[in-house]
Amino acid sequence: MKFLTKDRLSQGDRYAFRLRLSDGKTRLIGSDERPYPVVLSQENLPDSVKDNQLNEVTVTYSSPRSIPYII
């Protein structure tokens, strides 16, 4: 998953993400147990303040368990 944010996400912290799919359903990625999602954040520092200043975040997640739906 990739998204843009103004916030800085620490790559060492544990996160859980709520995703809304294109069909309107919602899933939960991550929990307080292993395996945790891997978060890579790239800061965007443009030369001009008019350019995009949002941070690009890439999240990868692999688990033998199925990813649950949120009802």
PDB file of N, CA and C in Angstrom:
ATOM      1  N   MET A   1       0.849  -1.148   0.000  1.00  0.00           N
ATOM      2  CA  MET A   1       0.000   0.000   0.000  1.00  0.00           C
ATOM      3  C   MET A   1       0.901   1.219   0.000  1.00  0.00           C
ATOM      4  N   LYS A   2       0.506   2.252  -0.710  1.00  0.00           N
ATOM      5  CA  LYS A   2       1.230   3.523  -0.717  1.00  0.00           C
ATOM      6  C   LYS A   2       0.248   4.653  -0.472  1.00  0.00           C
ATOM      7  N   PHE A   3       0.711   5.661   0.269  1.00  0.00           N
ATOM      8  CA  PHE A   3      -0.112   6.838   0.479  1.00  0.00           C
ATOM      9  C   PHE A   3       0.785   8.030   0.782  1.00  0.00           C
ATOM     10  N   LEU A   4       0.210   9.220   0.679  1.00  0.00           N
ATOM     11  CA  LEU A   4       0.909  10.469   0.974  1.00  0.00           C
ATOM     12  C   LEU A   4       0.351  11.046   2.268  1.00  0.00           C
ATOM     13  N   THR A   5       1.228  11.620   3.090  1.00  0.00           N
ATOM     14  CA  THR A   5       0.797  12.221   4.349  1.00  0.00           C
ATOM     15  C   THR A   5       1.728  13.367   4.706  1.00  0.00           C
ATOM     16  N   LYS A   6       1.207  14.310   5.477  1.00  0.00           N
ATOM     17  CA  LYS A   6       2.038  15.400   5.974  1.00  0.00           C
ATOM     18  C   LYS A   6       2.769  14.988   7.247  1.00  0.00           C
ATOM     19  N   ASP A   7       2.309  13.901   7.888  1.00  0.00           N
ATOM     20  CA  ASP A   7       2.886  13.426   9.135  1.00  0.00           C
ATOM     21  C   ASP A   7       4.148  12.609   8.885  1.00  0.00           C
ATOM     22  N   ARG A   8       5.024  12.588   9.879  1.00  0.00           N
ATOM     23  CA  ARG A   8       6.205  11.730   9.831  1.00  0.00           C
ATOM     24  C   ARG A   8       5.896  10.449  10.584  1.00  0.00           C
ATOM     25  N   LEU A   9       6.069   9.310   9.914  1.00  0.00           N
ATOM     26  CA  LEU A   9       5.846   8.014  10.548  1.00  0.00           C
ATOM     27  C   LEU A   9       7.198   7.388  10.850  1.00  0.00           C
ATOM     28  N   SER A  10       7.380   6.965  12.077  1.00  0.00           N
ATOM     29  CA  SER A  10       8.624   6.322  12.480  1.00  0.00           C
ATOM     30  C   SER A  10       8.656   4.909  11.920  1.00  0.00           C
ATOM     31  N   GLN A  11       9.786   4.529  11.338  1.00  0.00           N
ATOM     32  CA  GLN A  11       9.894   3.207  10.743  1.00  0.00           C
ATOM     33  C   GLN A  11      10.045   2.116  11.800  1.00  0.00           C
ATOM     34  N   GLY A  12      10.364   2.465  13.046  1.00  0.00           N
ATOM     35  CA  GLY A  12      10.524   1.475  14.095  1.00  0.00           C
ATOM     36  C   GLY A  12       9.265   1.217  14.897  1.00  0.00           C
ATOM     37  N   ASP A  13       8.258   2.066  14.763  1.00  0.00           N
ATOM     38  CA  ASP A  13       7.014   1.907  15.530  1.00  0.00           C
ATOM     39  C   ASP A  13       6.110   0.850  14.900  1.00  0.00           C
ATOM     40  N   ARG A  14       5.173   0.367  15.693  1.00  0.00           N
ATOM     41  CA  ARG A  14       4.195  -0.614  15.217  1.00  0.00           C
ATOM     42  C   ARG A  14       2.900   0.100  14.870  1.00  0.00           C
ATOM     43  N   TYR A  15       2.400  -0.165  13.689  1.00  0.00           N
ATOM     44  CA  TYR A  15       1.182   0.486  13.223  1.00  0.00           C
ATOM     45  C   TYR A  15       0.160  -0.556  12.792  1.00  0.00           C
ATOM     46  N   ALA A  16      -1.092  -0.178  12.834  1.00  0.00           N
ATOM     47  CA  ALA A  16      -2.182  -0.925  12.230  1.00  0.00           C
ATOM     48  C   ALA A  16      -2.909   0.065  11.321  1.00  0.00           C
ATOM     49  N   PHE A  17      -3.348  -0.404  10.167  1.00  0.00           N
ATOM     50  CA  PHE A  17      -3.979   0.467   9.183  1.00  0.00           C
ATOM     51  C   PHE A  17      -5.367  -0.052   8.836  1.00  0.00           C
ATOM     52  N   ARG A  18      -6.306   0.864   8.751  1.00  0.00           N
ATOM     53  CA  ARG A  18      -7.666   0.550   8.322  1.00  0.00           C
ATOM     54  C   ARG A  18      -7.764   0.970   6.860  1.00  0.00           C
ATOM     55  N   LEU A  19      -8.080   0.035   5.976  1.00  0.00           N
ATOM     56  CA  LEU A  19      -8.151   0.298   4.550  1.00  0.00           C
ATOM     57  C   LEU A  19      -9.578   0.193   4.045  1.00  0.00           C
ATOM     58  N   ARG A  20      -9.991   1.182   3.297  1.00  0.00           N
ATOM     59  CA  ARG A  20     -11.300   1.102   2.643  1.00  0.00           C
ATOM     60  C   ARG A  20     -11.029   0.712   1.190  1.00  0.00           C
ATOM     61  N   LEU A  21     -11.579  -0.415   0.785  1.00  0.00           N
ATOM     62  CA  LEU A  21     -11.377  -0.935  -0.559  1.00  0.00           C
ATOM     63  C   LEU A  21     -12.315  -0.265  -1.545  1.00  0.00           C
ATOM     64  N   SER A  22     -12.054  -0.456  -2.825  1.00  0.00           N
ATOM     65  CA  SER A  22     -12.873   0.186  -3.853  1.00  0.00           C
ATOM     66  C   SER A  22     -14.319  -0.312  -3.838  1.00  0.00           C
ATOM     67  N   ASP A  23     -14.566  -1.508  -3.285  1.00  0.00           N
ATOM     68  CA  ASP A  23     -15.937  -2.012  -3.209  1.00  0.00           C
ATOM     69  C   ASP A  23     -16.665  -1.548  -1.946  1.00  0.00           C
ATOM     70  N   GLY A  24     -16.010  -0.684  -1.132  1.00  0.00           N
ATOM     71  CA  GLY A  24     -16.629  -0.130   0.053  1.00  0.00           C
ATOM     72  C   GLY A  24     -16.370  -0.918   1.330  1.00  0.00           C
ATOM     73  N   LYS A  25     -15.790  -2.102   1.216  1.00  0.00           N
ATOM     74  CA  LYS A  25     -15.482  -2.903   2.398  1.00  0.00           C
ATOM     75  C   LYS A  25     -14.214  -2.362   3.063  1.00  0.00           C
ATOM     76  N   THR A  26     -14.050  -2.678   4.346  1.00  0.00           N
ATOM     77  CA  THR A  26     -12.907  -2.188   5.106  1.00  0.00           C
ATOM     78  C   THR A  26     -12.135  -3.364   5.681  1.00  0.00           C
ATOM     79  N   ARG A  27     -10.793  -3.279   5.607  1.00  0.00           N
ATOM     80  CA  ARG A  27      -9.925  -4.325   6.146  1.00  0.00           C
ATOM     81  C   ARG A  27      -8.947  -3.725   7.132  1.00  0.00           C
ATOM     82  N   LEU A  28      -8.419  -4.579   8.021  1.00  0.00           N
ATOM     83  CA  LEU A  28      -7.445  -4.173   9.016  1.00  0.00           C
ATOM     84  C   LEU A  28      -6.104  -4.818   8.688  1.00  0.00           C
ATOM     85  N   ILE A  29      -5.077  -3.983   8.498  1.00  0.00           N
ATOM     86  CA  ILE A  29      -3.724  -4.455   8.214  1.00  0.00           C
ATOM     87  C   ILE A  29      -2.889  -4.233   9.460  1.00  0.00           C
ATOM     88  N   GLY A  30      -2.386  -5.322  10.062  1.00  0.00           N
ATOM     89  CA  GLY A  30      -1.538  -5.227  11.234  1.00  0.00           C
ATOM     90  C   GLY A  30      -2.314  -5.395  12.522  1.00  0.00           C
ATOM     91  N   SER A  31      -1.560  -5.679  13.608  1.00  0.00           N
ATOM     92  CA  SER A  31      -2.147  -5.834  14.940  1.00  0.00           C
ATOM     93  C   SER A  31      -1.038  -5.649  15.959  1.00  0.00           C
ATOM     94  N   ASP A  32      -1.328  -5.979  17.219  1.00  0.00           N
ATOM     95  CA  ASP A  32      -0.312  -5.848  18.253  1.00  0.00           C
ATOM     96  C   ASP A  32       0.526  -7.118  18.389  1.00  0.00           C
ATOM     97  N   GLU A  33       0.387  -8.037  17.441  1.00  0.00           N
ATOM     98  CA  GLU A  33       1.154  -9.272  17.424  1.00  0.00           C
ATOM     99  C   GLU A  33       1.968  -9.360  16.138  1.00  0.00           C
ATOM    100  N   ARG A  34       3.032 -10.163  16.179  1.00  0.00           N
ATOM    101  CA  ARG A  34       3.831 -10.386  14.973  1.00  0.00           C
ATOM    102  C   ARG A  34       3.041 -11.188  13.973  1.00  0.00           C
ATOM    103  N   PRO A  35       3.236 -11.038  12.708  1.00  0.00           N
ATOM    104  CA  PRO A  35       4.132 -10.112  12.031  1.00  0.00           C
ATOM    105  C   PRO A  35       3.524  -8.715  11.958  1.00  0.00           C
ATOM    106  N   TYR A  36       4.367  -7.722  12.055  1.00  0.00           N
ATOM    107  CA  TYR A  36       3.942  -6.329  11.988  1.00  0.00           C
ATOM    108  C   TYR A  36       4.095  -5.816  10.557  1.00  0.00           C
ATOM    109  N   PRO A  37       3.301  -4.824  10.163  1.00  0.00           N
ATOM    110  CA  PRO A  37       3.508  -4.192   8.865  1.00  0.00           C
ATOM    111  C   PRO A  37       4.867  -3.489   8.843  1.00  0.00           C
ATOM    112  N   VAL A  38       5.506  -3.511   7.688  1.00  0.00           N
ATOM    113  CA  VAL A  38       6.776  -2.823   7.500  1.00  0.00           C
ATOM    114  C   VAL A  38       6.476  -1.475   6.850  1.00  0.00           C
ATOM    115  N   VAL A  39       6.895  -0.387   7.511  1.00  0.00           N
ATOM    116  CA  VAL A  39       6.596   0.968   7.057  1.00  0.00           C
ATOM    117  C   VAL A  39       7.883   1.631   6.593  1.00  0.00           C
ATOM    118  N   LEU A  40       7.897   2.062   5.337  1.00  0.00           N
ATOM    119  CA  LEU A  40       9.013   2.821   4.795  1.00  0.00           C
ATOM    120  C   LEU A  40       8.496   4.197   4.404  1.00  0.00           C
ATOM    121  N   SER A  41       9.105   5.225   4.960  1.00  0.00           N
ATOM    122  CA  SER A  41       8.649   6.589   4.712  1.00  0.00           C
ATOM    123  C   SER A  41       9.754   7.372   4.027  1.00  0.00           C
ATOM    124  N   GLN A  42       9.386   8.087   2.970  1.00  0.00           N
ATOM    125  CA  GLN A  42      10.342   8.903   2.227  1.00  0.00           C
ATOM    126  C   GLN A  42       9.888  10.359   2.299  1.00  0.00           C
ATOM    127  N   GLU A  43      10.720  11.191   2.895  1.00  0.00           N
ATOM    128  CA  GLU A  43      10.387  12.610   3.001  1.00  0.00           C
ATOM    129  C   GLU A  43      10.629  13.298   1.670  1.00  0.00           C
ATOM    130  N   ASN A  44       9.738  14.188   1.326  1.00  0.00           N
ATOM    131  CA  ASN A  44       9.837  14.945   0.093  1.00  0.00           C
ATOM    132  C   ASN A  44      10.226  16.376   0.443  1.00  0.00           C
ATOM    133  N   LEU A  45      11.425  16.774   0.072  1.00  0.00           N
ATOM    134  CA  LEU A  45      11.923  18.128   0.359  1.00  0.00           C
ATOM    135  C   LEU A  45      12.214  18.847  -0.958  1.00  0.00           C
ATOM    136  N   PRO A  46      11.176  19.426  -1.560  1.00  0.00           N
ATOM    137  CA  PRO A  46      11.354  20.075  -2.867  1.00  0.00           C
ATOM    138  C   PRO A  46      12.097  21.397  -2.740  1.00  0.00           C
ATOM    139  N   ASP A  47      12.643  21.852  -3.862  1.00  0.00           N
ATOM    140  CA  ASP A  47      13.343  23.136  -3.904  1.00  0.00           C
ATOM    141  C   ASP A  47      12.374  24.308  -3.745  1.00  0.00           C
ATOM    142  N   SER A  48      11.188  24.155  -4.278  1.00  0.00           N
ATOM    143  CA  SER A  48      10.188  25.217  -4.220  1.00  0.00           C
ATOM    144  C   SER A  48       9.084  24.842  -3.229  1.00  0.00           C
ATOM    145  N   VAL A  49       8.616  25.820  -2.451  1.00  0.00           N
ATOM    146  CA  VAL A  49       7.522  25.552  -1.501  1.00  0.00           C
ATOM    147  C   VAL A  49       6.203  25.297  -2.218  1.00  0.00           C
ATOM    148  N   LYS A  50       6.129  25.609  -3.495  1.00  0.00           N
ATOM    149  CA  LYS A  50       4.914  25.378  -4.267  1.00  0.00           C
ATOM    150  C   LYS A  50       4.767  23.913  -4.684  1.00  0.00           C
ATOM    151  N   ASP A  51       5.856  23.138  -4.644  1.00  0.00           N
ATOM    152  CA  ASP A  51       5.824  21.734  -5.048  1.00  0.00           C
ATOM    153  C   ASP A  51       5.315  20.852  -3.904  1.00  0.00           C
ATOM    154  N   ASN A  52       5.011  19.613  -4.240  1.00  0.00           N
ATOM    155  CA  ASN A  52       4.480  18.652  -3.279  1.00  0.00           C
ATOM    156  C   ASN A  52       5.455  18.453  -2.113  1.00  0.00           C
ATOM    157  N   GLN A  53       4.985  18.671  -0.893  1.00  0.00           N
ATOM    158  CA  GLN A  53       5.812  18.514   0.296  1.00  0.00           C
ATOM    159  C   GLN A  53       5.358  17.335   1.157  1.00  0.00           C
ATOM    160  N   LEU A  54       4.463  16.509   0.640  1.00  0.00           N
ATOM    161  CA  LEU A  54       3.956  15.376   1.403  1.00  0.00           C
ATOM    162  C   LEU A  54       4.962  14.229   1.415  1.00  0.00           C
ATOM    163  N   ASN A  55       4.965  13.473   2.509  1.00  0.00           N
ATOM    164  CA  ASN A  55       5.829  12.307   2.633  1.00  0.00           C
ATOM    165  C   ASN A  55       5.143  11.106   1.989  1.00  0.00           C
ATOM    166  N   GLU A  56       5.907  10.309   1.253  1.00  0.00           N
ATOM    167  CA  GLU A  56       5.371   9.101   0.631  1.00  0.00           C
ATOM    168  C   GLU A  56       5.656   7.913   1.543  1.00  0.00           C
ATOM    169  N   VAL A  57       4.611   7.179   1.898  1.00  0.00           N
ATOM    170  CA  VAL A  57       4.735   6.043   2.797  1.00  0.00           C
ATOM    171  C   VAL A  57       4.367   4.768   2.036  1.00  0.00           C
ATOM    172  N   THR A  58       5.227   3.759   2.157  1.00  0.00           N
ATOM    173  CA  THR A  58       4.974   2.452   1.567  1.00  0.00           C
ATOM    174  C   THR A  58       4.862   1.437   2.698  1.00  0.00           C
ATOM    175  N   VAL A  59       3.774   0.681   2.715  1.00  0.00           N
ATOM    176  CA  VAL A  59       3.536  -0.321   3.754  1.00  0.00           C
ATOM    177  C   VAL A  59       3.454  -1.688   3.085  1.00  0.00           C
ATOM    178  N   THR A  60       4.232  -2.631   3.616  1.00  0.00           N
ATOM    179  CA  THR A  60       4.138  -4.013   3.155  1.00  0.00           C
ATOM    180  C   THR A  60       3.753  -4.878   4.349  1.00  0.00           C
ATOM    181  N   TYR A  61       3.006  -5.929   4.070  1.00  0.00           N
ATOM    182  CA  TYR A  61       2.523  -6.796   5.141  1.00  0.00           C
ATOM    183  C   TYR A  61       2.363  -8.201   4.595  1.00  0.00           C
ATOM    184  N   SER A  62       2.889  -9.157   5.329  1.00  0.00           N
ATOM    185  CA  SER A  62       2.767 -10.554   4.944  1.00  0.00           C
ATOM    186  C   SER A  62       2.454 -11.357   6.197  1.00  0.00           C
ATOM    187  N   SER A  63       1.415 -12.176   6.113  1.00  0.00           N
ATOM    188  CA  SER A  63       1.004 -12.957   7.276  1.00  0.00           C
ATOM    189  C   SER A  63       0.371 -14.258   6.797  1.00  0.00           C
ATOM    190  N   PRO A  64       0.586 -15.346   7.543  1.00  0.00           N
ATOM    191  CA  PRO A  64      -0.091 -16.593   7.171  1.00  0.00           C
ATOM    192  C   PRO A  64      -1.594 -16.540   7.461  1.00  0.00           C
ATOM    193  N   ARG A  65      -2.001 -15.632   8.327  1.00  0.00           N
ATOM    194  CA  ARG A  65      -3.428 -15.457   8.642  1.00  0.00           C
ATOM    195  C   ARG A  65      -4.095 -14.580   7.591  1.00  0.00           C
ATOM    196  N   SER A  66      -5.376 -14.770   7.413  1.00  0.00           N
ATOM    197  CA  SER A  66      -6.099 -13.933   6.455  1.00  0.00           C
ATOM    198  C   SER A  66      -6.276 -12.534   7.051  1.00  0.00           C
ATOM    199  N   ILE A  67      -6.345 -11.549   6.183  1.00  0.00           N
ATOM    200  CA  ILE A  67      -6.516 -10.169   6.608  1.00  0.00           C
ATOM    201  C   ILE A  67      -8.004  -9.947   6.924  1.00  0.00           C
ATOM    202  N   PRO A  68      -8.316  -9.552   8.178  1.00  0.00           N
ATOM    203  CA  PRO A  68      -9.736  -9.483   8.568  1.00  0.00           C
ATOM    204  C   PRO A  68     -10.467  -8.281   7.980  1.00  0.00           C
ATOM    205  N   TYR A  69     -11.767  -8.490   7.757  1.00  0.00           N
ATOM    206  CA  TYR A  69     -12.659  -7.395   7.406  1.00  0.00           C
ATOM    207  C   TYR A  69     -13.135  -6.714   8.679  1.00  0.00           C
ATOM    208  N   ILE A  70     -13.395  -5.425   8.600  1.00  0.00           N
ATOM    209  CA  ILE A  70     -13.982  -4.679   9.711  1.00  0.00           C
ATOM    210  C   ILE A  70     -15.440  -4.471   9.352  1.00  0.00           C
ATOM    211  N   ILE A  71     -16.311  -4.851  10.254  1.00  0.00           N
ATOM    212  CA  ILE A  71     -17.752  -4.712   9.982  1.00  0.00           C
ATOM    213  C   ILE A  71     -18.286  -3.496  10.695  1.00  0.00           C
TER     214      ILE A  71
END
